[in-house]
């Protein structure tokens, strides 16, 4: 008679730990555009504008400024929500209301970085204000809004309101700022210990509830990297990921990107399995 070995009972639990991280790196994404009579002239002009912008950003303390590959206007918007809004407004327009096609522009995305680890938040805010001012003086000033025409009646006013609602907003070429946080080795080690301790205590409670004692550790694993555990920040994380993918910054393992200068909370998780005795 064959002795069938019964599988050992086991219990699996998870534990988490929260770490607060302050940004260590500031990324500025600046779109440079030129629209000339020919593509050759446009490429030459955007190259010159990029060189001017690189010199200015370097004088403002940028540790590194890199230029991306040139691309056309329809590929220049990295924000997925902005692309969705533009597409929705385009569908609302009638063919007769569509504007005449403009001369296609050539775009290059510059990525400038500043090391802000240990710098006070007030100092970083002053730097960002100076960078916004520098970028605003580089482009053409926005046209002032036109005065609304007089309406002959409610029907004409309603048509004007509907037409205004279907008009896309002015193209946003303002610089985008991202903040990169990097957990240190000591922070990760302490967080892993805390998460593992939480998982083990939960396993001991489950084993006791089932009338067993906690045995030896069977398996232990942790989710790769760190993650922002707040569900309300899902859209912001997606937007940051799209902006980061369009930049020339190469993310490191464990980096967390945000649009908020303030410290953010990230979650370290551990999953443990124990045999029961």
C-alpha atoms as a PDB file:
ATOM      1  CA  UNK A   1       0.000   0.000   0.000  1.00  0.00           C
ATOM      2  CA  UNK A   2       1.441   3.325  -1.036  1.00  0.00           C
ATOM      3  CA  UNK A   3       1.809   5.902   1.681  1.00  0.00           C
ATOM      4  CA  UNK A   4       0.322   9.100   0.322  1.00  0.00           C
ATOM      5  CA  UNK A   5       1.992  12.175   1.811  1.00  0.00           C
ATOM      6  CA  UNK A   6      -0.536  14.740   2.852  1.00  0.00           C
ATOM      7  CA  UNK A   7       0.309  18.331   1.852  1.00  0.00           C
ATOM      8  CA  UNK A   8       1.365  20.555   4.701  1.00  0.00           C
ATOM      9  CA  UNK A   9      -1.029  23.243   5.760  1.00  0.00           C
ATOM     10  CA  UNK A  10       0.157  26.796   5.246  1.00  0.00           C
ATOM     11  CA  UNK A  11      -0.980  30.375   5.785  1.00  0.00           C
ATOM     12  CA  UNK A  12      -0.237  33.384   3.585  1.00  0.00           C
ATOM     13  CA  UNK A  13      -0.416  36.999   4.676  1.00  0.00           C
ATOM     14  CA  UNK A  14       0.695  40.412   3.456  1.00  0.00           C
ATOM     15  CA  UNK A  15       2.078  43.430   5.271  1.00  0.00           C
ATOM     16  CA  UNK A  16       2.653  47.010   4.218  1.00  0.00           C
ATOM     17  CA  UNK A  17       4.679  49.987   5.394  1.00  0.00           C
ATOM     18  CA  UNK A  18       4.371  53.636   4.423  1.00  0.00           C
ATOM     19  CA  UNK A  19       7.349  55.872   3.681  1.00  0.00           C
ATOM     20  CA  UNK A  20       7.261  59.657   3.210  1.00  0.00           C
ATOM     21  CA  UNK A  21       9.610  60.892   0.501  1.00  0.00           C
ATOM     22  CA  UNK A  22      10.653  64.403  -0.413  1.00  0.00           C
ATOM     23  CA  UNK A  23      11.566  65.160  -4.045  1.00  0.00           C
ATOM     24  CA  UNK A  24      15.237  64.915  -4.911  1.00  0.00           C
ATOM     25  CA  UNK A  25      15.104  65.933  -8.574  1.00  0.00           C
ATOM     26  CA  UNK A  26      13.202  68.612 -10.486  1.00  0.00           C
ATOM     27  CA  UNK A  27      12.365  67.982 -14.131  1.00  0.00           C
ATOM     28  CA  UNK A  28      11.310  70.803 -16.433  1.00  0.00           C
ATOM     29  CA  UNK A  29       9.775  69.822 -19.778  1.00  0.00           C
ATOM     30  CA  UNK A  30       9.884  72.706 -22.237  1.00  0.00           C
ATOM     31  CA  UNK A  31       8.357  72.475 -25.703  1.00  0.00           C
ATOM     32  CA  UNK A  32      10.222  74.415 -28.399  1.00  0.00           C
ATOM     33  CA  UNK A  33       8.355  74.984 -31.671  1.00  0.00           C
ATOM     34  CA  UNK A  34       9.054  76.606 -35.031  1.00  0.00           C
ATOM     35  CA  UNK A  35       6.808  76.940 -38.086  1.00  0.00           C
ATOM     36  CA  UNK A  36       8.542  78.177 -41.213  1.00  0.00           C
ATOM     37  CA  UNK A  37       7.771  78.175 -44.932  1.00  0.00           C
ATOM     38  CA  UNK A  38       9.609  74.883 -45.509  1.00  0.00           C
ATOM     39  CA  UNK A  39      10.527  71.924 -43.355  1.00  0.00           C
ATOM     40  CA  UNK A  40      14.255  72.614 -43.751  1.00  0.00           C
ATOM     41  CA  UNK A  41      13.810  76.157 -42.455  1.00  0.00           C
ATOM     42  CA  UNK A  42      11.646  74.886 -39.606  1.00  0.00           C
ATOM     43  CA  UNK A  43      14.257  72.348 -38.522  1.00  0.00           C
ATOM     44  CA  UNK A  44      17.004  74.969 -38.613  1.00  0.00           C
ATOM     45  CA  UNK A  45      14.904  77.444 -36.631  1.00  0.00           C
ATOM     46  CA  UNK A  46      13.861  74.969 -33.949  1.00  0.00           C
ATOM     47  CA  UNK A  47      17.488  73.875 -33.585  1.00  0.00           C
ATOM     48  CA  UNK A  48      18.547  77.479 -32.999  1.00  0.00           C
ATOM     49  CA  UNK A  49      15.752  78.047 -30.492  1.00  0.00           C
ATOM     50  CA  UNK A  50      16.743  74.895 -28.621  1.00  0.00           C
ATOM     51  CA  UNK A  51      20.351  76.087 -28.400  1.00  0.00           C
ATOM     52  CA  UNK A  52      19.187  79.439 -26.998  1.00  0.00           C
ATOM     53  CA  UNK A  53      16.951  77.709 -24.445  1.00  0.00           C
ATOM     54  CA  UNK A  54      19.754  75.365 -23.367  1.00  0.00           C
ATOM     55  CA  UNK A  55      22.056  78.323 -22.686  1.00  0.00           C
ATOM     56  CA  UNK A  56      19.397  80.112 -20.637  1.00  0.00           C
ATOM     57  CA  UNK A  57      18.493  77.042 -18.570  1.00  0.00           C
ATOM     58  CA  UNK A  58      22.154  76.307 -17.915  1.00  0.00           C
ATOM     59  CA  UNK A  59      22.617  79.851 -16.613  1.00  0.00           C
ATOM     60  CA  UNK A  60      19.642  79.216 -14.319  1.00  0.00           C
ATOM     61  CA  UNK A  61      21.478  76.307 -12.707  1.00  0.00           C
ATOM     62  CA  UNK A  62      20.241  73.285 -14.660  1.00  0.00           C
ATOM     63  CA  UNK A  63      22.568  70.350 -14.079  1.00  0.00           C
ATOM     64  CA  UNK A  64      21.585  68.780 -17.393  1.00  0.00           C
ATOM     65  CA  UNK A  65      19.560  69.823 -20.434  1.00  0.00           C
ATOM     66  CA  UNK A  66      18.739  67.324 -23.168  1.00  0.00           C
ATOM     67  CA  UNK A  67      16.809  67.749 -26.406  1.00  0.00           C
ATOM     68  CA  UNK A  68      14.464  65.094 -27.711  1.00  0.00           C
ATOM     69  CA  UNK A  69      13.810  64.152 -31.306  1.00  0.00           C
ATOM     70  CA  UNK A  70      11.967  66.609 -33.599  1.00  0.00           C
ATOM     71  CA  UNK A  71       8.314  65.808 -34.267  1.00  0.00           C
ATOM     72  CA  UNK A  72       5.210  67.405 -35.780  1.00  0.00           C
ATOM     73  CA  UNK A  73       2.382  69.217 -34.013  1.00  0.00           C
ATOM     74  CA  UNK A  74       0.011  66.251 -33.808  1.00  0.00           C
ATOM     75  CA  UNK A  75       2.598  64.380 -31.709  1.00  0.00           C
ATOM     76  CA  UNK A  76       3.573  67.281 -29.481  1.00  0.00           C
ATOM     77  CA  UNK A  77       1.015  66.898 -26.679  1.00  0.00           C
ATOM     78  CA  UNK A  78       2.130  64.191 -24.201  1.00  0.00           C
ATOM     79  CA  UNK A  79      -0.810  64.647 -21.797  1.00  0.00           C
ATOM     80  CA  UNK A  80      -3.391  61.938 -22.669  1.00  0.00           C
ATOM     81  CA  UNK A  81      -6.265  63.903 -21.105  1.00  0.00           C
ATOM     82  CA  UNK A  82      -5.478  66.960 -23.240  1.00  0.00           C
ATOM     83  CA  UNK A  83      -5.451  64.802 -26.371  1.00  0.00           C
ATOM     84  CA  UNK A  84      -8.830  63.309 -25.438  1.00  0.00           C
ATOM     85  CA  UNK A  85     -10.355  66.763 -24.889  1.00  0.00           C
ATOM     86  CA  UNK A  86      -9.010  68.008 -28.219  1.00  0.00           C
ATOM     87  CA  UNK A  87     -10.402  64.955 -30.031  1.00  0.00           C
ATOM     88  CA  UNK A  88     -13.814  65.364 -28.377  1.00  0.00           C
ATOM     89  CA  UNK A  89     -14.012  69.031 -29.360  1.00  0.00           C
ATOM     90  CA  UNK A  90     -12.995  68.183 -32.905  1.00  0.00           C
ATOM     91  CA  UNK A  91     -15.911  65.741 -33.202  1.00  0.00           C
ATOM     92  CA  UNK A  92     -18.347  68.413 -31.999  1.00  0.00           C
ATOM     93  CA  UNK A  93     -17.403  70.743 -34.821  1.00  0.00           C
ATOM     94  CA  UNK A  94     -19.194  70.824 -38.117  1.00  0.00           C
ATOM     95  CA  UNK A  95     -17.060  70.555 -41.258  1.00  0.00           C
ATOM     96  CA  UNK A  96     -17.886  74.158 -42.206  1.00  0.00           C
ATOM     97  CA  UNK A  97     -16.713  75.360 -38.784  1.00  0.00           C
ATOM     98  CA  UNK A  98     -13.324  73.659 -38.976  1.00  0.00           C
ATOM     99  CA  UNK A  99     -10.475  76.186 -39.122  1.00  0.00           C
ATOM    100  CA  UNK A 100      -8.217  76.391 -42.118  1.00  0.00           C
ATOM    101  CA  UNK A 101      -5.107  74.223 -41.726  1.00  0.00           C
ATOM    102  CA  UNK A 102      -2.102  76.145 -40.448  1.00  0.00           C
ATOM    103  CA  UNK A 103       1.496  75.640 -41.421  1.00  0.00           C
ATOM    104  CA  UNK A 104       2.710  72.496 -39.681  1.00  0.00           C
ATOM    105  CA  UNK A 105       5.257  73.147 -36.980  1.00  0.00           C
ATOM    106  CA  UNK A 106       8.357  71.295 -35.863  1.00  0.00           C
ATOM    107  CA  UNK A 107       8.632  70.590 -32.126  1.00  0.00           C
ATOM    108  CA  UNK A 108      11.422  69.503 -29.810  1.00  0.00           C
ATOM    109  CA  UNK A 109      10.937  68.699 -26.126  1.00  0.00           C
ATOM    110  CA  UNK A 110      13.745  69.870 -23.846  1.00  0.00           C
ATOM    111  CA  UNK A 111      14.281  68.113 -20.513  1.00  0.00           C
ATOM    112  CA  UNK A 112      16.165  70.112 -17.885  1.00  0.00           C
ATOM    113  CA  UNK A 113      17.032  68.753 -14.431  1.00  0.00           C
ATOM    114  CA  UNK A 114      17.895  70.368 -11.105  1.00  0.00           C
ATOM    115  CA  UNK A 115      19.103  68.573  -7.972  1.00  0.00           C
ATOM    116  CA  UNK A 116      16.769  69.757  -5.198  1.00  0.00           C
ATOM    117  CA  UNK A 117      17.604  67.186  -2.517  1.00  0.00           C
ATOM    118  CA  UNK A 118      17.820  69.000   0.790  1.00  0.00           C
ATOM    119  CA  UNK A 119      16.793  72.366  -0.657  1.00  0.00           C
ATOM    120  CA  UNK A 120      13.963  74.183   1.170  1.00  0.00           C
ATOM    121  CA  UNK A 121      10.586  74.150  -0.557  1.00  0.00           C
ATOM    122  CA  UNK A 122      10.547  77.973  -0.609  1.00  0.00           C
ATOM    123  CA  UNK A 123      13.782  78.025  -2.599  1.00  0.00           C
ATOM    124  CA  UNK A 124      12.423  75.505  -5.098  1.00  0.00           C
ATOM    125  CA  UNK A 125       9.218  77.528  -5.542  1.00  0.00           C
ATOM    126  CA  UNK A 126      11.280  80.657  -6.305  1.00  0.00           C
ATOM    127  CA  UNK A 127      13.274  78.695  -8.878  1.00  0.00           C
ATOM    128  CA  UNK A 128      10.097  77.423 -10.566  1.00  0.00           C
ATOM    129  CA  UNK A 129       8.657  80.938 -10.656  1.00  0.00           C
ATOM    130  CA  UNK A 130      11.823  82.191 -12.353  1.00  0.00           C
ATOM    131  CA  UNK A 131      11.708  79.328 -14.862  1.00  0.00           C
ATOM    132  CA  UNK A 132       8.058  80.043 -15.706  1.00  0.00           C
ATOM    133  CA  UNK A 133       8.889  83.711 -16.261  1.00  0.00           C
ATOM    134  CA  UNK A 134      11.840  82.808 -18.487  1.00  0.00           C
ATOM    135  CA  UNK A 135       9.690  80.438 -20.564  1.00  0.00           C
ATOM    136  CA  UNK A 136       6.886  83.016 -20.868  1.00  0.00           C
ATOM    137  CA  UNK A 137       9.211  85.695 -22.251  1.00  0.00           C
ATOM    138  CA  UNK A 138      10.559  83.245 -24.831  1.00  0.00           C
ATOM    139  CA  UNK A 139       7.307  82.770 -26.754  1.00  0.00           C
ATOM    140  CA  UNK A 140       4.790  85.015 -28.427  1.00  0.00           C
ATOM    141  CA  UNK A 141       2.426  86.806 -26.002  1.00  0.00           C
ATOM    142  CA  UNK A 142      -1.122  85.430 -26.024  1.00  0.00           C
ATOM    143  CA  UNK A 143      -3.660  87.426 -28.006  1.00  0.00           C
ATOM    144  CA  UNK A 144      -6.128  89.358 -25.834  1.00  0.00           C
ATOM    145  CA  UNK A 145      -9.673  87.941 -25.827  1.00  0.00           C
ATOM    146  CA  UNK A 146     -12.008  89.600 -28.291  1.00  0.00           C
ATOM    147  CA  UNK A 147     -15.032  91.513 -27.027  1.00  0.00           C
ATOM    148  CA  UNK A 148     -18.259  89.508 -27.406  1.00  0.00           C
ATOM    149  CA  UNK A 149     -20.486  90.852 -30.181  1.00  0.00           C
ATOM    150  CA  UNK A 150     -23.926  92.227 -29.288  1.00  0.00           C
ATOM    151  CA  UNK A 151     -26.706  89.646 -29.535  1.00  0.00           C
ATOM    152  CA  UNK A 152     -30.017  90.354 -31.211  1.00  0.00           C
ATOM    153  CA  UNK A 153     -31.867  87.841 -29.091  1.00  0.00           C
ATOM    154  CA  UNK A 154     -31.680  84.757 -26.819  1.00  0.00           C
ATOM    155  CA  UNK A 155     -31.459  82.374 -29.792  1.00  0.00           C
ATOM    156  CA  UNK A 156     -28.376  84.083 -31.193  1.00  0.00           C
ATOM    157  CA  UNK A 157     -26.841  84.207 -27.732  1.00  0.00           C
ATOM    158  CA  UNK A 158     -27.409  80.454 -27.308  1.00  0.00           C
ATOM    159  CA  UNK A 159     -25.769  79.715 -30.687  1.00  0.00           C
ATOM    160  CA  UNK A 160     -22.783  81.840 -29.699  1.00  0.00           C
ATOM    161  CA  UNK A 161     -22.450  79.964 -26.387  1.00  0.00           C
ATOM    162  CA  UNK A 162     -22.570  76.571 -28.136  1.00  0.00           C
ATOM    163  CA  UNK A 163     -19.974  77.705 -30.672  1.00  0.00           C
ATOM    164  CA  UNK A 164     -17.728  78.911 -27.871  1.00  0.00           C
ATOM    165  CA  UNK A 165     -18.097  75.590 -26.042  1.00  0.00           C
ATOM    166  CA  UNK A 166     -16.961  73.710 -29.165  1.00  0.00           C
ATOM    167  CA  UNK A 167     -13.945  75.965 -29.661  1.00  0.00           C
ATOM    168  CA  UNK A 168     -10.762  74.304 -28.389  1.00  0.00           C
ATOM    169  CA  UNK A 169      -8.798  76.224 -25.761  1.00  0.00           C
ATOM    170  CA  UNK A 170      -5.524  77.914 -26.728  1.00  0.00           C
ATOM    171  CA  UNK A 171      -2.660  75.490 -27.130  1.00  0.00           C
ATOM    172  CA  UNK A 172      -0.767  75.105 -23.878  1.00  0.00           C
ATOM    173  CA  UNK A 173       2.967  75.414 -24.475  1.00  0.00           C
ATOM    174  CA  UNK A 174       3.824  76.328 -20.914  1.00  0.00           C
ATOM    175  CA  UNK A 175       6.593  74.293 -19.257  1.00  0.00           C
ATOM    176  CA  UNK A 176       5.628  71.214 -17.267  1.00  0.00           C
ATOM    177  CA  UNK A 177       7.322  70.414 -13.960  1.00  0.00           C
ATOM    178  CA  UNK A 178       7.764  66.966 -12.425  1.00  0.00           C
ATOM    179  CA  UNK A 179       9.275  66.049  -9.071  1.00  0.00           C
ATOM    180  CA  UNK A 180      11.216  62.813  -8.666  1.00  0.00           C
ATOM    181  CA  UNK A 181      11.598  61.163  -5.258  1.00  0.00           C
ATOM    182  CA  UNK A 182      14.148  58.440  -4.573  1.00  0.00           C
ATOM    183  CA  UNK A 183      13.949  56.275  -1.438  1.00  0.00           C
ATOM    184  CA  UNK A 184      17.293  55.607   0.200  1.00  0.00           C
ATOM    185  CA  UNK A 185      18.623  52.170   1.076  1.00  0.00           C
ATOM    186  CA  UNK A 186      18.112  52.740   4.805  1.00  0.00           C
ATOM    187  CA  UNK A 187      14.520  53.861   4.261  1.00  0.00           C
ATOM    188  CA  UNK A 188      13.779  50.781   2.164  1.00  0.00           C
ATOM    189  CA  UNK A 189      15.420  48.471   4.705  1.00  0.00           C
ATOM    190  CA  UNK A 190      13.383  49.887   7.588  1.00  0.00           C
ATOM    191  CA  UNK A 191      10.186  49.766   5.545  1.00  0.00           C
ATOM    192  CA  UNK A 192      10.780  46.142   4.536  1.00  0.00           C
ATOM    193  CA  UNK A 193      11.376  45.169   8.167  1.00  0.00           C
ATOM    194  CA  UNK A 194       8.183  46.918   9.218  1.00  0.00           C
ATOM    195  CA  UNK A 195       6.154  45.334   6.410  1.00  0.00           C
ATOM    196  CA  UNK A 196       7.547  41.864   7.163  1.00  0.00           C
ATOM    197  CA  UNK A 197       6.792  42.266  10.872  1.00  0.00           C
ATOM    198  CA  UNK A 198       3.208  43.205  10.022  1.00  0.00           C
ATOM    199  CA  UNK A 199       2.846  40.156   7.768  1.00  0.00           C
ATOM    200  CA  UNK A 200       4.264  37.800  10.420  1.00  0.00           C
ATOM    201  CA  UNK A 201       1.985  39.147  13.166  1.00  0.00           C
ATOM    202  CA  UNK A 202      -1.030  38.669  10.903  1.00  0.00           C
ATOM    203  CA  UNK A 203       0.100  35.090  10.145  1.00  0.00           C
ATOM    204  CA  UNK A 204       0.461  34.315  13.857  1.00  0.00           C
ATOM    205  CA  UNK A 205      -3.074  35.553  14.529  1.00  0.00           C
ATOM    206  CA  UNK A 206      -4.480  33.434  11.698  1.00  0.00           C
ATOM    207  CA  UNK A 207      -2.592  30.345  12.837  1.00  0.00           C
ATOM    208  CA  UNK A 208      -3.822  30.784  16.415  1.00  0.00           C
ATOM    209  CA  UNK A 209      -7.400  31.263  15.187  1.00  0.00           C
ATOM    210  CA  UNK A 210      -7.164  27.959  13.296  1.00  0.00           C
ATOM    211  CA  UNK A 211      -5.765  26.107  16.319  1.00  0.00           C
ATOM    212  CA  UNK A 212      -2.214  25.793  14.977  1.00  0.00           C
ATOM    213  CA  UNK A 213       1.211  27.212  15.672  1.00  0.00           C
ATOM    214  CA  UNK A 214       3.175  29.161  13.128  1.00  0.00           C
ATOM    215  CA  UNK A 215       5.894  27.044  11.582  1.00  0.00           C
ATOM    216  CA  UNK A 216       8.869  27.811   9.379  1.00  0.00           C
ATOM    217  CA  UNK A 217       8.818  30.379   6.613  1.00  0.00           C
ATOM    218  CA  UNK A 218       7.904  28.841   3.252  1.00  0.00           C
ATOM    219  CA  UNK A 219       8.186  31.802   0.877  1.00  0.00           C
ATOM    220  CA  UNK A 220       8.738  35.527   1.067  1.00  0.00           C
ATOM    221  CA  UNK A 221       8.463  38.126  -1.660  1.00  0.00           C
ATOM    222  CA  UNK A 222       7.957  41.832  -2.082  1.00  0.00           C
ATOM    223  CA  UNK A 223       6.332  43.829  -4.852  1.00  0.00           C
ATOM    224  CA  UNK A 224       9.029  45.350  -7.083  1.00  0.00           C
ATOM    225  CA  UNK A 225       9.871  48.954  -6.302  1.00  0.00           C
ATOM    226  CA  UNK A 226       7.583  51.308  -4.437  1.00  0.00           C
ATOM    227  CA  UNK A 227       4.181  52.648  -5.352  1.00  0.00           C
ATOM    228  CA  UNK A 228       1.892  55.487  -4.427  1.00  0.00           C
ATOM    229  CA  UNK A 229      -0.938  53.826  -2.556  1.00  0.00           C
ATOM    230  CA  UNK A 230      -3.528  56.607  -2.929  1.00  0.00           C
ATOM    231  CA  UNK A 231      -6.311  55.650  -5.380  1.00  0.00           C
ATOM    232  CA  UNK A 232      -7.358  59.289  -5.801  1.00  0.00           C
ATOM    233  CA  UNK A 233      -4.019  60.018  -7.477  1.00  0.00           C
ATOM    234  CA  UNK A 234      -4.532  57.512 -10.311  1.00  0.00           C
ATOM    235  CA  UNK A 235      -5.094  60.115 -13.053  1.00  0.00           C
ATOM    236  CA  UNK A 236      -2.126  62.167 -11.868  1.00  0.00           C
ATOM    237  CA  UNK A 237       0.124  59.098 -11.952  1.00  0.00           C
ATOM    238  CA  UNK A 238      -1.002  58.329 -15.495  1.00  0.00           C
ATOM    239  CA  UNK A 239      -0.345  61.905 -16.588  1.00  0.00           C
ATOM    240  CA  UNK A 240       3.086  61.887 -14.941  1.00  0.00           C
ATOM    241  CA  UNK A 241       3.923  58.601 -16.653  1.00  0.00           C
ATOM    242  CA  UNK A 242       2.953  60.058 -20.043  1.00  0.00           C
ATOM    243  CA  UNK A 243       5.013  63.207 -19.476  1.00  0.00           C
ATOM    244  CA  UNK A 244       7.974  61.188 -18.251  1.00  0.00           C
ATOM    245  CA  UNK A 245       7.812  58.881 -21.271  1.00  0.00           C
ATOM    246  CA  UNK A 246       7.959  61.908 -23.584  1.00  0.00           C
ATOM    247  CA  UNK A 247      11.029  63.302 -21.816  1.00  0.00           C
ATOM    248  CA  UNK A 248      14.636  62.169 -22.125  1.00  0.00           C
ATOM    249  CA  UNK A 249      14.899  61.325 -18.422  1.00  0.00           C
ATOM    250  CA  UNK A 250      15.768  57.680 -17.738  1.00  0.00           C
ATOM    251  CA  UNK A 251      13.947  56.557 -14.576  1.00  0.00           C
ATOM    252  CA  UNK A 252      15.888  54.641 -11.965  1.00  0.00           C
ATOM    253  CA  UNK A 253      14.596  51.711  -9.984  1.00  0.00           C
ATOM    254  CA  UNK A 254      12.389  52.846  -7.130  1.00  0.00           C
ATOM    255  CA  UNK A 255      11.837  56.403  -8.376  1.00  0.00           C
ATOM    256  CA  UNK A 256       8.415  57.956  -7.785  1.00  0.00           C
ATOM    257  CA  UNK A 257       7.285  60.873  -9.961  1.00  0.00           C
ATOM    258  CA  UNK A 258       4.727  63.487  -8.914  1.00  0.00           C
ATOM    259  CA  UNK A 259       3.434  66.912  -9.931  1.00  0.00           C
ATOM    260  CA  UNK A 260       3.376  68.007  -6.279  1.00  0.00           C
ATOM    261  CA  UNK A 261       6.434  69.532  -4.616  1.00  0.00           C
ATOM    262  CA  UNK A 262       5.314  68.343  -1.194  1.00  0.00           C
ATOM    263  CA  UNK A 263       6.420  65.055   0.334  1.00  0.00           C
ATOM    264  CA  UNK A 264       4.462  62.052  -0.872  1.00  0.00           C
ATOM    265  CA  UNK A 265       3.650  58.719   0.696  1.00  0.00           C
ATOM    266  CA  UNK A 266       4.665  55.455  -0.955  1.00  0.00           C
ATOM    267  CA  UNK A 267       3.820  51.913   0.085  1.00  0.00           C
ATOM    268  CA  UNK A 268       6.176  48.961   0.525  1.00  0.00           C
ATOM    269  CA  UNK A 269       4.436  45.571   0.532  1.00  0.00           C
ATOM    270  CA  UNK A 270       5.635  42.115   1.607  1.00  0.00           C
ATOM    271  CA  UNK A 271       3.906  38.778   1.050  1.00  0.00           C
ATOM    272  CA  UNK A 272       4.868  35.863   3.336  1.00  0.00           C
ATOM    273  CA  UNK A 273       3.798  32.191   3.492  1.00  0.00           C
ATOM    274  CA  UNK A 274       4.361  29.984   6.590  1.00  0.00           C
ATOM    275  CA  UNK A 275       3.807  26.302   7.316  1.00  0.00           C
ATOM    276  CA  UNK A 276       1.415  25.456  10.125  1.00  0.00           C
ATOM    277  CA  UNK A 277       2.254  23.035  12.947  1.00  0.00           C
END
